[in-house]
């Protein structure tokens, strides 16, 4: 069975905005890939906001379900949208069996004489 492929699309360019919606995670990540891995592991995560490295080679990472509430910040932040690509199903169905039923009726007549 083929598994889904997950990709992340950069939304525009770095800007001084981030997804201010309720966070699923809001903390340090060991680089961009670590932040993406956190989002990939959380089925509810649809967006990630990633601040530049500035503290012991760590990035601030914020995961959200949506990105409708853009908030301002003094740093340039990258916003990524998660895309899940599910391959078409290749399920093999069992062979079909056709059953034909024939119904035979017999008429019986009774003669009455008077």
N, C-alpha and C. Protein backbone atom coordinates (compact mmCIF):
# COMPACT_ATOMS: atom_id res chain seq x y z
N UNK A 1 0.85 -1.17 0.00
CA UNK A 1 0.00 0.00 0.00
C UNK A 1 0.90 1.23 0.00
N UNK A 2 0.69 2.13 -0.97
CA UNK A 2 1.49 3.34 -1.07
C UNK A 2 1.05 4.34 0.00
N UNK A 3 2.02 5.04 0.57
CA UNK A 3 1.68 6.02 1.60
C UNK A 3 1.60 7.41 1.00
N UNK A 4 1.01 8.32 1.76
CA UNK A 4 0.83 9.70 1.32
C UNK A 4 2.19 10.40 1.28
N UNK A 5 2.31 11.37 0.38
CA UNK A 5 3.50 12.20 0.29
C UNK A 5 3.14 13.56 0.86
N UNK A 6 4.00 14.09 1.72
CA UNK A 6 3.74 15.39 2.34
C UNK A 6 4.79 16.37 1.85
N UNK A 7 4.31 17.52 1.36
CA UNK A 7 5.20 18.58 0.91
C UNK A 7 4.82 19.87 1.63
N UNK A 8 5.73 20.83 1.62
CA UNK A 8 5.50 22.14 2.24
C UNK A 8 5.77 23.22 1.19
N UNK A 9 4.80 24.10 1.01
CA UNK A 9 4.92 25.17 0.03
C UNK A 9 5.10 26.50 0.75
N UNK A 10 6.19 27.20 0.42
CA UNK A 10 6.45 28.51 0.99
C UNK A 10 5.39 29.48 0.49
N UNK A 11 4.73 30.18 1.41
CA UNK A 11 3.67 31.13 1.06
C UNK A 11 4.29 32.51 0.85
N UNK A 12 4.51 32.87 -0.42
CA UNK A 12 5.11 34.17 -0.73
C UNK A 12 6.58 34.19 -0.34
N UNK A 13 7.01 35.31 0.20
CA UNK A 13 8.40 35.48 0.63
C UNK A 13 8.41 35.73 2.13
N UNK A 14 9.60 35.70 2.71
CA UNK A 14 9.69 36.01 4.14
C UNK A 14 9.11 37.40 4.37
N UNK A 15 8.31 37.50 5.42
CA UNK A 15 7.73 38.80 5.76
C UNK A 15 7.71 38.94 7.27
N UNK A 16 7.31 40.08 7.74
CA UNK A 16 7.24 40.32 9.18
C UNK A 16 5.85 39.99 9.71
N UNK A 17 5.34 38.82 9.25
CA UNK A 17 4.05 38.30 9.69
C UNK A 17 4.18 36.80 9.94
N UNK A 18 3.33 36.31 10.83
CA UNK A 18 3.26 34.87 11.10
C UNK A 18 1.80 34.48 11.28
N UNK A 19 1.51 33.19 11.27
CA UNK A 19 0.15 32.69 11.48
C UNK A 19 -0.17 32.81 12.96
N UNK A 20 -1.11 33.70 13.28
CA UNK A 20 -1.45 33.97 14.67
C UNK A 20 -2.59 33.11 15.20
N UNK A 21 -3.08 32.18 14.40
CA UNK A 21 -4.14 31.28 14.84
C UNK A 21 -3.65 30.45 16.03
N UNK A 22 -4.58 29.81 16.74
CA UNK A 22 -4.23 29.02 17.92
C UNK A 22 -3.13 28.01 17.59
N UNK A 23 -2.04 28.01 18.36
CA UNK A 23 -0.92 27.11 18.03
C UNK A 23 -1.16 25.67 18.47
N UNK A 24 -0.70 24.76 17.63
CA UNK A 24 -0.63 23.34 17.99
C UNK A 24 0.71 23.08 18.68
N UNK A 25 1.71 23.86 18.28
CA UNK A 25 3.04 23.85 18.87
C UNK A 25 3.60 25.24 18.71
N UNK A 26 4.33 25.72 19.71
CA UNK A 26 4.91 27.05 19.67
C UNK A 26 6.19 27.01 20.51
N UNK A 27 7.33 26.68 19.84
CA UNK A 27 8.57 26.53 20.60
C UNK A 27 9.78 26.37 19.69
N UNK A 28 10.90 26.00 20.29
CA UNK A 28 12.16 25.86 19.57
C UNK A 28 12.18 24.59 18.73
N UNK A 29 12.81 24.71 17.57
CA UNK A 29 13.03 23.56 16.68
C UNK A 29 14.48 23.60 16.23
N UNK A 30 15.05 22.42 16.04
CA UNK A 30 16.44 22.31 15.60
C UNK A 30 16.52 22.44 14.08
N UNK A 31 16.12 23.59 13.57
CA UNK A 31 16.20 23.85 12.14
C UNK A 31 14.85 23.71 11.45
N UNK A 32 14.84 24.10 10.17
CA UNK A 32 13.62 24.07 9.36
C UNK A 32 13.04 22.66 9.23
N UNK A 33 13.90 21.68 8.97
CA UNK A 33 13.41 20.32 8.77
C UNK A 33 12.75 19.77 10.03
N UNK A 34 13.32 20.09 11.20
CA UNK A 34 12.73 19.64 12.46
C UNK A 34 11.34 20.23 12.66
N UNK A 35 11.15 21.49 12.29
CA UNK A 35 9.84 22.13 12.38
C UNK A 35 8.87 21.46 11.41
N UNK A 36 9.31 21.18 10.19
CA UNK A 36 8.47 20.49 9.21
C UNK A 36 8.11 19.08 9.68
N UNK A 37 9.07 18.39 10.29
CA UNK A 37 8.82 17.04 10.81
C UNK A 37 7.74 17.08 11.90
N UNK A 38 7.77 18.10 12.74
CA UNK A 38 6.75 18.25 13.79
C UNK A 38 5.37 18.43 13.16
N UNK A 39 5.30 19.25 12.10
CA UNK A 39 4.03 19.50 11.42
C UNK A 39 3.55 18.22 10.73
N UNK A 40 4.47 17.52 10.10
CA UNK A 40 4.12 16.28 9.40
C UNK A 40 3.55 15.23 10.36
N UNK A 41 4.08 15.19 11.58
CA UNK A 41 3.64 14.20 12.56
C UNK A 41 2.28 14.54 13.18
N UNK A 42 1.83 15.78 13.02
CA UNK A 42 0.56 16.21 13.61
C UNK A 42 -0.47 16.37 12.49
N UNK A 43 -1.45 15.45 12.41
CA UNK A 43 -2.43 15.48 11.32
C UNK A 43 -3.23 16.78 11.30
N UNK A 44 -3.35 17.49 12.42
CA UNK A 44 -4.11 18.74 12.47
C UNK A 44 -3.31 19.92 11.92
N UNK A 45 -1.99 19.79 11.83
CA UNK A 45 -1.14 20.89 11.37
C UNK A 45 -1.30 21.12 9.88
N UNK A 46 -1.62 22.35 9.51
CA UNK A 46 -1.73 22.72 8.09
C UNK A 46 -0.74 23.82 7.71
N UNK A 47 -0.26 24.58 8.70
CA UNK A 47 0.67 25.69 8.44
C UNK A 47 1.76 25.69 9.48
N UNK A 48 2.94 26.15 9.06
CA UNK A 48 4.01 26.39 10.02
C UNK A 48 4.63 27.74 9.74
N UNK A 49 4.91 28.45 10.80
CA UNK A 49 5.61 29.73 10.74
C UNK A 49 6.99 29.49 11.33
N UNK A 50 8.03 29.89 10.60
CA UNK A 50 9.40 29.60 11.01
C UNK A 50 10.21 30.88 11.08
N UNK A 51 10.70 31.19 12.28
CA UNK A 51 11.55 32.35 12.48
C UNK A 51 12.99 31.97 12.14
N UNK A 52 13.83 32.95 11.80
CA UNK A 52 15.23 32.63 11.45
C UNK A 52 16.02 32.11 12.65
N UNK A 53 17.10 31.38 12.35
CA UNK A 53 17.98 30.87 13.41
C UNK A 53 18.61 32.06 14.14
N UNK A 54 18.56 32.01 15.45
CA UNK A 54 19.23 33.07 16.18
C UNK A 54 19.60 32.69 17.60
N UNK A 55 19.26 31.51 18.04
CA UNK A 55 19.55 31.13 19.42
C UNK A 55 20.10 29.70 19.44
N UNK A 56 21.40 29.58 19.59
CA UNK A 56 22.06 28.27 19.62
C UNK A 56 21.67 27.40 18.43
N UNK A 57 21.62 28.00 17.25
CA UNK A 57 21.27 27.31 16.00
C UNK A 57 19.85 26.73 16.03
N UNK A 58 18.96 27.35 16.76
CA UNK A 58 17.57 26.92 16.82
C UNK A 58 16.67 27.96 16.14
N UNK A 59 15.56 27.48 15.63
CA UNK A 59 14.53 28.34 15.05
C UNK A 59 13.30 28.32 15.95
N UNK A 60 12.57 29.42 15.98
CA UNK A 60 11.27 29.39 16.64
C UNK A 60 10.28 28.83 15.63
N UNK A 61 9.47 27.88 16.05
CA UNK A 61 8.56 27.15 15.16
C UNK A 61 7.15 27.24 15.74
N UNK A 62 6.20 27.63 14.92
CA UNK A 62 4.79 27.72 15.35
C UNK A 62 3.95 26.93 14.35
N UNK A 63 3.23 25.92 14.84
CA UNK A 63 2.36 25.09 14.01
C UNK A 63 0.91 25.47 14.27
N UNK A 64 0.13 25.60 13.18
CA UNK A 64 -1.27 25.97 13.32
C UNK A 64 -2.14 25.16 12.36
N UNK A 65 -3.43 25.07 12.70
CA UNK A 65 -4.42 24.37 11.88
C UNK A 65 -4.81 25.22 10.66
N UNK A 66 -4.77 26.55 10.83
CA UNK A 66 -5.14 27.47 9.75
C UNK A 66 -4.21 28.68 9.82
N UNK A 67 -4.37 29.57 8.85
CA UNK A 67 -3.54 30.78 8.84
C UNK A 67 -4.39 31.96 8.38
N UNK A 68 -5.48 32.18 9.10
CA UNK A 68 -6.39 33.28 8.74
C UNK A 68 -6.12 34.54 9.55
N UNK A 69 -5.39 34.39 10.66
CA UNK A 69 -5.10 35.51 11.54
C UNK A 69 -3.61 35.83 11.47
N UNK A 70 -3.23 36.70 10.53
CA UNK A 70 -1.81 37.07 10.39
C UNK A 70 -1.46 38.13 11.44
N UNK A 71 -0.37 37.88 12.15
CA UNK A 71 0.10 38.78 13.20
C UNK A 71 1.46 39.35 12.81
N UNK A 72 1.74 40.55 13.28
CA UNK A 72 3.01 41.22 12.99
C UNK A 72 4.10 40.81 13.98
N UNK A 73 5.32 40.82 13.48
CA UNK A 73 6.50 40.55 14.31
C UNK A 73 7.65 41.39 13.78
N UNK A 74 8.69 41.54 14.56
CA UNK A 74 9.83 42.35 14.09
C UNK A 74 10.82 41.55 13.26
N UNK A 75 10.65 40.21 13.21
CA UNK A 75 11.55 39.36 12.45
C UNK A 75 10.92 38.93 11.13
N UNK A 76 11.76 38.57 10.17
CA UNK A 76 11.25 38.02 8.91
C UNK A 76 10.97 36.54 9.11
N UNK A 77 9.72 36.17 8.87
CA UNK A 77 9.25 34.81 9.13
C UNK A 77 8.87 34.14 7.81
N UNK A 78 9.13 32.86 7.70
CA UNK A 78 8.69 32.07 6.54
C UNK A 78 7.45 31.30 6.95
N UNK A 79 6.40 31.38 6.12
CA UNK A 79 5.17 30.63 6.37
C UNK A 79 5.07 29.54 5.30
N UNK A 80 4.86 28.31 5.75
CA UNK A 80 4.73 27.17 4.85
C UNK A 80 3.34 26.55 5.02
N UNK A 81 2.75 26.13 3.90
CA UNK A 81 1.49 25.40 3.93
C UNK A 81 1.78 23.94 3.63
N UNK A 82 1.19 23.05 4.43
CA UNK A 82 1.41 21.61 4.25
C UNK A 82 0.43 21.08 3.20
N UNK A 83 0.93 20.24 2.29
CA UNK A 83 0.09 19.57 1.29
C UNK A 83 0.28 18.07 1.44
N UNK A 84 -0.82 17.35 1.54
CA UNK A 84 -0.78 15.89 1.64
C UNK A 84 -1.30 15.32 0.32
N UNK A 85 -0.46 14.55 -0.36
CA UNK A 85 -0.82 13.96 -1.65
C UNK A 85 -1.03 12.47 -1.43
N UNK A 86 -2.27 12.03 -1.61
CA UNK A 86 -2.63 10.63 -1.41
C UNK A 86 -2.69 9.96 -2.77
N UNK A 87 -1.92 8.89 -2.98
CA UNK A 87 -1.95 8.20 -4.27
C UNK A 87 -3.29 7.50 -4.48
N UNK A 88 -3.67 7.27 -5.74
CA UNK A 88 -4.92 6.57 -5.99
C UNK A 88 -4.87 5.15 -5.43
N UNK A 89 -6.02 4.65 -5.06
CA UNK A 89 -6.12 3.32 -4.49
C UNK A 89 -5.88 2.26 -5.56
N UNK A 90 -5.19 1.21 -5.18
CA UNK A 90 -4.94 0.09 -6.10
C UNK A 90 -5.50 -1.19 -5.50
N UNK A 91 -6.62 -1.07 -4.83
CA UNK A 91 -7.25 -2.23 -4.20
C UNK A 91 -7.80 -3.17 -5.25
N UNK A 92 -7.50 -4.45 -5.13
CA UNK A 92 -8.02 -5.46 -6.05
C UNK A 92 -9.29 -6.04 -5.44
N UNK A 93 -10.36 -6.00 -6.20
CA UNK A 93 -11.63 -6.54 -5.74
C UNK A 93 -11.72 -8.01 -6.09
N UNK A 94 -12.44 -8.81 -5.28
CA UNK A 94 -12.58 -10.24 -5.59
C UNK A 94 -13.42 -10.42 -6.85
N UNK A 95 -13.28 -11.58 -7.52
CA UNK A 95 -14.06 -11.82 -8.74
C UNK A 95 -15.56 -11.78 -8.44
N UNK A 96 -16.33 -11.39 -9.43
CA UNK A 96 -17.78 -11.30 -9.28
C UNK A 96 -18.41 -12.62 -9.71
N UNK A 97 -19.40 -13.08 -8.96
CA UNK A 97 -20.13 -14.30 -9.28
C UNK A 97 -21.55 -13.91 -9.65
N UNK A 98 -22.02 -14.42 -10.76
CA UNK A 98 -23.39 -14.15 -11.19
C UNK A 98 -24.23 -15.39 -10.93
N UNK A 99 -25.37 -15.21 -10.29
CA UNK A 99 -26.28 -16.31 -10.02
C UNK A 99 -27.56 -16.04 -10.79
N UNK A 100 -27.98 -17.04 -11.58
CA UNK A 100 -29.22 -16.92 -12.33
C UNK A 100 -30.22 -17.89 -11.73
N UNK A 101 -31.41 -17.38 -11.47
CA UNK A 101 -32.46 -18.22 -10.89
C UNK A 101 -33.59 -18.32 -11.90
N UNK A 102 -34.04 -19.57 -12.16
CA UNK A 102 -35.16 -19.81 -13.06
C UNK A 102 -36.32 -20.29 -12.23
N UNK A 103 -37.47 -19.65 -12.42
CA UNK A 103 -38.67 -20.02 -11.68
C UNK A 103 -39.63 -20.69 -12.64
N UNK A 104 -40.04 -21.91 -12.33
CA UNK A 104 -40.98 -22.64 -13.18
C UNK A 104 -42.28 -22.79 -12.42
N UNK A 105 -43.39 -22.48 -13.10
CA UNK A 105 -44.69 -22.66 -12.45
C UNK A 105 -45.48 -23.69 -13.23
N UNK A 106 -46.28 -24.45 -12.53
CA UNK A 106 -47.13 -25.47 -13.16
C UNK A 106 -48.58 -25.14 -12.80
N UNK A 107 -49.43 -25.13 -13.85
CA UNK A 107 -50.84 -24.87 -13.59
C UNK A 107 -51.57 -26.20 -13.54
N UNK A 108 -52.44 -26.32 -12.57
CA UNK A 108 -53.23 -27.51 -12.43
C UNK A 108 -54.69 -27.07 -12.54
N UNK A 109 -55.44 -27.76 -13.44
CA UNK A 109 -56.86 -27.41 -13.55
C UNK A 109 -57.69 -28.61 -13.13
N UNK A 110 -58.76 -28.31 -12.49
CA UNK A 110 -59.66 -29.36 -12.03
C UNK A 110 -60.99 -29.18 -12.76
N UNK A 111 -61.43 -30.23 -13.38
CA UNK A 111 -62.73 -30.16 -14.10
C UNK A 111 -63.82 -30.69 -13.19
N UNK A 112 -64.93 -30.03 -13.21
CA UNK A 112 -66.07 -30.45 -12.40
C UNK A 112 -67.22 -30.75 -13.33
N UNK A 113 -67.82 -31.91 -13.16
CA UNK A 113 -68.97 -32.23 -14.00
C UNK A 113 -70.22 -32.21 -13.16
N UNK A 114 -71.33 -31.82 -13.79
CA UNK A 114 -72.60 -31.75 -13.07
C UNK A 114 -73.61 -32.64 -13.71
